[in-house]
Each structure stands twice: as C-alpha cells, then as structure tokens.
Amino acid sequence: MIPSNPTSIVFTLCPAEKAAATLATLLQRGFLVHVNGATSINNLLKKLPGFDQEYITSKIQTLFVNGLAEDDTIRELVAGDTLALSAAMPGLAGAIFRKGGQHASLRSIPRPKAVSREQAPGFITLKLFNVIATDTGPQLLAHGIYIQGRILARFLEKQAHRIQPLVQAITCNNNSVTIQVLAKTIREQEIVHLTISHSSSPA
C-alpha cells in the first residue's frame, strides 16, 4: 500500500539535459509503481508518463520479468514482481533476449509455468535501461516516483559529485536540505516520493 504521508523530496536541477543523463542511472536501480491487482505489462506502462502504445511497441525490445526474458507485453504482473525494460541490445545477447526474436530458443532458462499468484494491491518494481531511461525519465521524474529510501540514499551518496553541480534547491517535506543530510534522513524509510523539477537557468 502507498504510505498515507510519504516523505516528499523535490530536487530543482539545471541544466535539464545533464540532469536527465545523470538521473537515468537511478531508474536502472528500480522505482515502485503501485497496482491495485493483476495487470498486464502493456497496461502498466501505458498509465505511466512517457509511454504510449507506439513507444512500447517500437522502442522496447527487451523485457525481463523477475530476471527472466519475456516475449509478450500481455504478460500478467502482480505486486512483488520486477519488470526491467531495455531497447535493442547489441550482439548475440541482444538477439537472444529480444522479445519475439528468432533466437529465443537459445535462452538457457525457460519461462516457468504459470501459477495462481496473490493479486492484492501493492508495488511492482520497474527498472529502465539505456535509451528507455533517458527517453522517459524526465517525464516520470517530473510527475514523481515512489522509491525505496535506501535505494535513493545510496544513489545520492555515490552520485553526489555529479548531482551537486546541477542542484538549484533540494527540499524534504518542504524543508531545505543538503544531499548529505537527505541521504541520512531517508536511509531507513521504506518508501519516499521523489519529484525532479528543472530551473531554466543557473542560480
């Protein structure tokens, strides 16, 4: 369930282009998408900023559900699942894992048989890689995402040297904070809400 009053974090960054590239790596680590029950990959994505049917069909070439390659966006997901998305990957690996690819039979681990699973409300973890992250990341982050506090804290600690030059302001529940203080504050929090806005010019 979504916390009734999650910690609200807002970054104001500039310039937007450098910020988008830096923050794309955060989306690789996984953020949380709330679902009320079972949903297909396709329906899940179409509800998110930056995704529409054309983009899902043409740009997303590799799907992994709970670490296993998936060929069809009608695959059902439930809370607790992890979905990873990528554009076309190079080489033989890309050919093997590409959805609907002719080399799918070369995958070493077969897809498990479908079983009845819990369909209660909860979160699906979504991970975005390569151009999928840079294409959709700015819209997702401007809209706001839920993410585990420890994941965001670790990202901020490791990427502080890249993020700090872009920072115009950081607030945590409307209070101004530094990256270092924020990381310590949210480390033990299960879920926080992160929004990224962009200043039109440096302070």
C-alpha atoms as a PDB file:
ATOM      1  CA  MET A   1       0.000   0.000   0.000  1.00  0.00           C
ATOM      2  CA  ILE A   2       1.071   3.617  -0.582  1.00  0.00           C
ATOM      3  CA  PRO A   3       2.090   5.232   2.725  1.00  0.00           C
ATOM      4  CA  SER A   4      -0.516   7.731   3.901  1.00  0.00           C
ATOM      5  CA  ASN A   5       2.064  10.503   4.151  1.00  0.00           C
ATOM      6  CA  PRO A   6       5.355   9.527   2.468  1.00  0.00           C
ATOM      7  CA  THR A   7       8.348  11.809   2.733  1.00  0.00           C
ATOM      8  CA  SER A   8       8.200  14.236  -0.193  1.00  0.00           C
ATOM      9  CA  ILE A   9      11.524  15.078  -1.828  1.00  0.00           C
ATOM     10  CA  VAL A  10      11.880  17.698  -4.546  1.00  0.00           C
ATOM     11  CA  PHE A  11      15.071  18.437  -6.474  1.00  0.00           C
ATOM     12  CA  THR A  12      15.360  21.518  -8.658  1.00  0.00           C
ATOM     13  CA  LEU A  13      18.172  20.957 -11.142  1.00  0.00           C
ATOM     14  CA  CYS A  14      19.817  22.778 -14.041  1.00  0.00           C
ATOM     15  CA  PRO A  15      20.633  22.199 -16.843  1.00  0.00           C
ATOM     16  CA  ALA A  16      17.921  19.707 -17.685  1.00  0.00           C
ATOM     17  CA  GLU A  17      19.992  17.787 -20.261  1.00  0.00           C
ATOM     18  CA  LYS A  18      22.809  16.900 -17.857  1.00  0.00           C
ATOM     19  CA  ALA A  19      20.329  16.157 -15.092  1.00  0.00           C
ATOM     20  CA  ALA A  20      18.425  13.697 -17.304  1.00  0.00           C
ATOM     21  CA  ALA A  21      21.575  11.771 -18.151  1.00  0.00           C
ATOM     22  CA  THR A  22      22.683  11.605 -14.512  1.00  0.00           C
ATOM     23  CA  LEU A  23      19.289  10.566 -13.183  1.00  0.00           C
ATOM     24  CA  ALA A  24      18.850   7.836 -15.801  1.00  0.00           C
ATOM     25  CA  THR A  25      21.117   5.624 -13.714  1.00  0.00           C
ATOM     26  CA  LEU A  26      18.717   5.973 -10.776  1.00  0.00           C
ATOM     27  CA  LEU A  27      15.932   4.451 -12.852  1.00  0.00           C
ATOM     28  CA  GLN A  28      18.127   1.417 -13.510  1.00  0.00           C
ATOM     29  CA  ARG A  29      18.070   0.669  -9.796  1.00  0.00           C
ATOM     30  CA  GLY A  30      14.317   0.358  -9.748  1.00  0.00           C
ATOM     31  CA  PHE A  31      11.394   2.521  -8.665  1.00  0.00           C
ATOM     32  CA  LEU A  32       7.944   1.488  -7.481  1.00  0.00           C
ATOM     33  CA  VAL A  33       4.674   1.525  -9.416  1.00  0.00           C
ATOM     34  CA  HIS A  34       1.506   0.980  -7.403  1.00  0.00           C
ATOM     35  CA  VAL A  35      -1.049  -1.524  -8.707  1.00  0.00           C
ATOM     36  CA  ASN A  36      -4.450  -2.460  -7.322  1.00  0.00           C
ATOM     37  CA  GLY A  37      -4.206  -6.050  -8.551  1.00  0.00           C
ATOM     38  CA  ALA A  38      -3.023  -8.023 -11.557  1.00  0.00           C
ATOM     39  CA  THR A  39      -2.212  -6.026 -14.683  1.00  0.00           C
ATOM     40  CA  SER A  40      -0.500  -6.675 -17.992  1.00  0.00           C
ATOM     41  CA  ILE A  41       2.882  -5.179 -18.826  1.00  0.00           C
ATOM     42  CA  ASN A  42       1.224  -3.168 -21.573  1.00  0.00           C
ATOM     43  CA  ASN A  43      -1.490  -1.693 -19.349  1.00  0.00           C
ATOM     44  CA  LEU A  44       1.002  -0.904 -16.596  1.00  0.00           C
ATOM     45  CA  LEU A  45       3.251   1.053 -18.936  1.00  0.00           C
ATOM     46  CA  LYS A  46       0.511   2.964 -20.749  1.00  0.00           C
ATOM     47  CA  LYS A  47      -0.515   4.552 -17.448  1.00  0.00           C
ATOM     48  CA  LEU A  48       2.972   5.996 -16.943  1.00  0.00           C
ATOM     49  CA  PRO A  49       4.224   9.350 -18.287  1.00  0.00           C
ATOM     50  CA  GLY A  50       6.439   8.966 -21.329  1.00  0.00           C
ATOM     51  CA  PHE A  51       4.927   5.704 -22.558  1.00  0.00           C
ATOM     52  CA  ASP A  52       2.313   5.235 -25.238  1.00  0.00           C
ATOM     53  CA  GLN A  53       1.411   2.244 -27.391  1.00  0.00           C
ATOM     54  CA  GLU A  54       3.669   3.243 -30.277  1.00  0.00           C
ATOM     55  CA  TYR A  55       6.660   3.704 -27.975  1.00  0.00           C
ATOM     56  CA  ILE A  56       6.014   0.401 -26.166  1.00  0.00           C
ATOM     57  CA  THR A  57       5.751  -1.476 -29.448  1.00  0.00           C
ATOM     58  CA  SER A  58       8.617   0.119 -31.349  1.00  0.00           C
ATOM     59  CA  LYS A  59      11.231   1.095 -28.752  1.00  0.00           C
ATOM     60  CA  ILE A  60      11.021  -1.548 -26.008  1.00  0.00           C
ATOM     61  CA  GLN A  61      12.780  -4.573 -27.451  1.00  0.00           C
ATOM     62  CA  THR A  62      13.841  -6.487 -24.337  1.00  0.00           C
ATOM     63  CA  LEU A  63      11.695  -7.410 -21.342  1.00  0.00           C
ATOM     64  CA  PHE A  64      12.666  -9.223 -18.166  1.00  0.00           C
ATOM     65  CA  VAL A  65      10.131 -10.287 -15.546  1.00  0.00           C
ATOM     66  CA  ASN A  66      11.714 -11.363 -12.274  1.00  0.00           C
ATOM     67  CA  GLY A  67      15.010 -11.860 -14.083  1.00  0.00           C
ATOM     68  CA  LEU A  68      13.650 -13.993 -16.938  1.00  0.00           C
ATOM     69  CA  ALA A  69      13.233 -12.856 -20.544  1.00  0.00           C
ATOM     70  CA  GLU A  70       9.659 -12.240 -21.633  1.00  0.00           C
ATOM     71  CA  ASP A  71       8.307 -12.039 -25.189  1.00  0.00           C
ATOM     72  CA  ASP A  72       4.862 -10.549 -24.794  1.00  0.00           C
ATOM     73  CA  THR A  73       3.592  -7.342 -23.214  1.00  0.00           C
ATOM     74  CA  ILE A  74       0.302  -9.053 -22.366  1.00  0.00           C
ATOM     75  CA  ARG A  75       2.189 -10.957 -19.651  1.00  0.00           C
ATOM     76  CA  GLU A  76       0.381 -10.528 -16.330  1.00  0.00           C
ATOM     77  CA  LEU A  77       2.171  -8.855 -13.419  1.00  0.00           C
ATOM     78  CA  VAL A  78       1.209  -8.717  -9.751  1.00  0.00           C
ATOM     79  CA  ALA A  79       2.537  -6.816  -6.742  1.00  0.00           C
ATOM     80  CA  GLY A  80       6.024  -8.002  -5.855  1.00  0.00           C
ATOM     81  CA  ASP A  81       7.113  -8.595  -9.453  1.00  0.00           C
ATOM     82  CA  THR A  82      10.103  -6.833 -11.008  1.00  0.00           C
ATOM     83  CA  LEU A  83       9.934  -5.644 -14.619  1.00  0.00           C
ATOM     84  CA  ALA A  84      13.064  -4.499 -16.478  1.00  0.00           C
ATOM     85  CA  LEU A  85      12.903  -2.768 -19.873  1.00  0.00           C
ATOM     86  CA  SER A  86      15.568  -2.136 -22.480  1.00  0.00           C
ATOM     87  CA  ALA A  87      15.838  -1.004 -26.060  1.00  0.00           C
ATOM     88  CA  ALA A  88      17.535  -3.336 -28.520  1.00  0.00           C
ATOM     89  CA  MET A  89      20.798  -4.683 -27.129  1.00  0.00           C
ATOM     90  CA  PRO A  90      23.777  -5.352 -29.425  1.00  0.00           C
ATOM     91  CA  GLY A  91      25.228  -8.673 -30.479  1.00  0.00           C
ATOM     92  CA  LEU A  92      24.089 -12.238 -29.905  1.00  0.00           C
ATOM     93  CA  ALA A  93      22.815 -11.493 -26.395  1.00  0.00           C
ATOM     94  CA  GLY A  94      20.521  -8.846 -27.820  1.00  0.00           C
ATOM     95  CA  ALA A  95      19.229 -11.261 -30.443  1.00  0.00           C
ATOM     96  CA  ILE A  96      18.597 -13.991 -27.867  1.00  0.00           C
ATOM     97  CA  PHE A  97      16.705 -11.821 -25.403  1.00  0.00           C
ATOM     98  CA  ARG A  98      14.834  -9.606 -27.874  1.00  0.00           C
ATOM     99  CA  LYS A  99      11.092 -10.061 -27.486  1.00  0.00           C
ATOM    100  CA  GLY A 100       9.714 -12.387 -30.122  1.00  0.00           C
ATOM    101  CA  GLY A 101      13.201 -12.892 -31.568  1.00  0.00           C
ATOM    102  CA  GLN A 102      14.036 -15.935 -33.670  1.00  0.00           C
ATOM    103  CA  HIS A 103      16.861 -16.881 -31.282  1.00  0.00           C
ATOM    104  CA  ALA A 104      14.656 -17.084 -28.170  1.00  0.00           C
ATOM    105  CA  SER A 105      15.143 -20.854 -28.085  1.00  0.00           C
ATOM    106  CA  LEU A 106      18.793 -20.282 -27.138  1.00  0.00           C
ATOM    107  CA  ARG A 107      17.845 -18.888 -23.734  1.00  0.00           C
ATOM    108  CA  SER A 108      19.290 -21.161 -21.061  1.00  0.00           C
ATOM    109  CA  ILE A 109      16.455 -20.717 -18.559  1.00  0.00           C
ATOM    110  CA  PRO A 110      12.913 -21.496 -19.749  1.00  0.00           C
ATOM    111  CA  ARG A 111       9.980 -19.387 -18.618  1.00  0.00           C
ATOM    112  CA  PRO A 112       8.296 -21.026 -15.614  1.00  0.00           C
ATOM    113  CA  LYS A 113       4.793 -22.394 -15.924  1.00  0.00           C
ATOM    114  CA  ALA A 114       2.014 -20.002 -14.979  1.00  0.00           C
ATOM    115  CA  VAL A 115       0.736 -20.424 -11.432  1.00  0.00           C
ATOM    116  CA  SER A 116      -2.003 -18.697  -9.458  1.00  0.00           C
ATOM    117  CA  ARG A 117      -0.498 -15.755  -7.585  1.00  0.00           C
ATOM    118  CA  GLU A 118      -1.602 -13.225  -4.997  1.00  0.00           C
ATOM    119  CA  GLN A 119      -3.350 -10.272  -6.664  1.00  0.00           C
ATOM    120  CA  ALA A 120      -3.630  -7.858  -3.750  1.00  0.00           C
ATOM    121  CA  PRO A 121      -2.705  -4.169  -4.096  1.00  0.00           C
ATOM    122  CA  GLY A 122       0.978  -3.357  -3.788  1.00  0.00           C
ATOM    123  CA  PHE A 123       4.012  -2.320  -5.822  1.00  0.00           C
ATOM    124  CA  ILE A 124       5.746  -3.569  -8.943  1.00  0.00           C
ATOM    125  CA  THR A 125       9.422  -2.650  -9.228  1.00  0.00           C
ATOM    126  CA  LEU A 126      10.241  -1.109 -12.606  1.00  0.00           C
ATOM    127  CA  LYS A 127      13.811  -0.835 -13.919  1.00  0.00           C
ATOM    128  CA  LEU A 128      14.637   1.165 -17.046  1.00  0.00           C
ATOM    129  CA  PHE A 129      17.848   0.805 -19.045  1.00  0.00           C
ATOM    130  CA  ASN A 130      19.698   2.685 -21.810  1.00  0.00           C
ATOM    131  CA  VAL A 131      17.551   4.947 -24.015  1.00  0.00           C
ATOM    132  CA  ILE A 132      14.341   3.822 -22.313  1.00  0.00           C
ATOM    133  CA  ALA A 133      15.562   5.574 -19.161  1.00  0.00           C
ATOM    134  CA  THR A 134      16.740   8.727 -20.931  1.00  0.00           C
ATOM    135  CA  ASP A 135      13.610   8.941 -23.116  1.00  0.00           C
ATOM    136  CA  THR A 136      11.016   8.525 -20.380  1.00  0.00           C
ATOM    137  CA  GLY A 137      12.957   9.514 -17.268  1.00  0.00           C
ATOM    138  CA  PRO A 138      12.377  13.290 -17.411  1.00  0.00           C
ATOM    139  CA  GLN A 139       8.583  12.881 -17.639  1.00  0.00           C
ATOM    140  CA  LEU A 140       8.450  10.180 -14.977  1.00  0.00           C
ATOM    141  CA  LEU A 141      10.539  12.203 -12.548  1.00  0.00           C
ATOM    142  CA  ALA A 142       8.659  15.435 -13.231  1.00  0.00           C
ATOM    143  CA  HIS A 143       5.429  13.594 -12.431  1.00  0.00           C
ATOM    144  CA  GLY A 144       7.013  11.999  -9.344  1.00  0.00           C
ATOM    145  CA  ILE A 145       8.004   8.430  -8.499  1.00  0.00           C
ATOM    146  CA  TYR A 146       7.904   6.226  -5.421  1.00  0.00           C
ATOM    147  CA  ILE A 147      11.229   4.682  -4.497  1.00  0.00           C
ATOM    148  CA  GLN A 148      12.737   2.870  -1.530  1.00  0.00           C
ATOM    149  CA  GLY A 149      14.573   5.235   0.771  1.00  0.00           C
ATOM    150  CA  ARG A 150      17.697   3.085   0.945  1.00  0.00           C
ATOM    151  CA  ILE A 151      17.994   2.932  -2.850  1.00  0.00           C
ATOM    152  CA  LEU A 152      17.698   6.692  -3.254  1.00  0.00           C
ATOM    153  CA  ALA A 153      20.090   7.294  -0.340  1.00  0.00           C
ATOM    154  CA  ARG A 154      22.731   5.001  -1.850  1.00  0.00           C
ATOM    155  CA  PHE A 155      22.354   6.664  -5.237  1.00  0.00           C
ATOM    156  CA  LEU A 156      22.755  10.139  -3.747  1.00  0.00           C
ATOM    157  CA  GLU A 157      25.871   9.125  -1.835  1.00  0.00           C
ATOM    158  CA  LYS A 158      27.545   7.579  -4.874  1.00  0.00           C
ATOM    159  CA  GLN A 159      26.478  10.258  -7.362  1.00  0.00           C
ATOM    160  CA  ALA A 160      26.755  13.362  -5.162  1.00  0.00           C
ATOM    161  CA  HIS A 161      29.774  14.640  -7.125  1.00  0.00           C
ATOM    162  CA  ARG A 162      27.698  14.595 -10.325  1.00  0.00           C
ATOM    163  CA  ILE A 163      24.437  15.860  -8.886  1.00  0.00           C
ATOM    164  CA  GLN A 164      25.752  18.679  -6.685  1.00  0.00           C
ATOM    165  CA  PRO A 165      26.852  20.958  -9.585  1.00  0.00           C
ATOM    166  CA  LEU A 166      23.312  20.701 -11.015  1.00  0.00           C
ATOM    167  CA  VAL A 167      21.431  21.465  -7.802  1.00  0.00           C
ATOM    168  CA  GLN A 168      19.454  24.685  -7.505  1.00  0.00           C
ATOM    169  CA  ALA A 169      17.455  23.525  -4.478  1.00  0.00           C
ATOM    170  CA  ILE A 170      16.551  20.394  -2.527  1.00  0.00           C
ATOM    171  CA  THR A 171      13.589  20.123  -0.172  1.00  0.00           C
ATOM    172  CA  CYS A 172      12.435  17.323   2.093  1.00  0.00           C
ATOM    173  CA  ASN A 173       8.856  17.822   3.276  1.00  0.00           C
ATOM    174  CA  ASN A 174       9.239  21.490   2.232  1.00  0.00           C
ATOM    175  CA  ASN A 175      12.402  21.963   4.309  1.00  0.00           C
ATOM    176  CA  SER A 176      15.646  22.881   2.559  1.00  0.00           C
ATOM    177  CA  VAL A 177      18.338  20.193   2.931  1.00  0.00           C
ATOM    178  CA  THR A 178      21.699  19.168   1.512  1.00  0.00           C
ATOM    179  CA  ILE A 179      22.319  15.946  -0.380  1.00  0.00           C
ATOM    180  CA  GLN A 180      24.278  14.554   2.560  1.00  0.00           C
ATOM    181  CA  VAL A 181      21.565  15.312   5.121  1.00  0.00           C
ATOM    182  CA  LEU A 182      18.865  13.979   2.830  1.00  0.00           C
ATOM    183  CA  ALA A 183      20.671  10.671   2.306  1.00  0.00           C
ATOM    184  CA  LYS A 184      20.934  10.143   6.071  1.00  0.00           C
ATOM    185  CA  THR A 185      17.310  11.153   6.628  1.00  0.00           C
ATOM    186  CA  ILE A 186      15.753   8.717   4.185  1.00  0.00           C
ATOM    187  CA  ARG A 187      18.060   5.710   4.538  1.00  0.00           C
ATOM    188  CA  GLU A 188      15.701   3.796   6.842  1.00  0.00           C
ATOM    189  CA  GLN A 189      12.460   4.902   5.197  1.00  0.00           C
ATOM    190  CA  GLU A 190      10.611   2.192   3.323  1.00  0.00           C
ATOM    191  CA  ILE A 191       9.158   4.433   0.592  1.00  0.00           C
ATOM    192  CA  VAL A 192       9.661   8.080  -0.343  1.00  0.00           C
ATOM    193  CA  HIS A 193       8.198  10.213  -3.123  1.00  0.00           C
ATOM    194  CA  LEU A 194      10.714  11.902  -5.415  1.00  0.00           C
ATOM    195  CA  THR A 195       9.994  14.728  -7.868  1.00  0.00           C
ATOM    196  CA  ILE A 196      12.522  16.428 -10.144  1.00  0.00           C
ATOM    197  CA  SER A 197      11.902  19.917 -11.493  1.00  0.00           C
ATOM    198  CA  HIS A 198      14.213  21.957 -13.674  1.00  0.00           C
ATOM    199  CA  SER A 199      15.301  25.547 -13.446  1.00  0.00           C
ATOM    200  CA  SER A 200      15.527  27.403 -16.735  1.00  0.00           C
ATOM    201  CA  SER A 201      18.876  28.936 -15.828  1.00  0.00           C
ATOM    202  CA  PRO A 202      21.616  28.571 -13.219  1.00  0.00           C
ATOM    203  CA  ALA A 203      21.123  30.380  -9.926  1.00  0.00           C
END
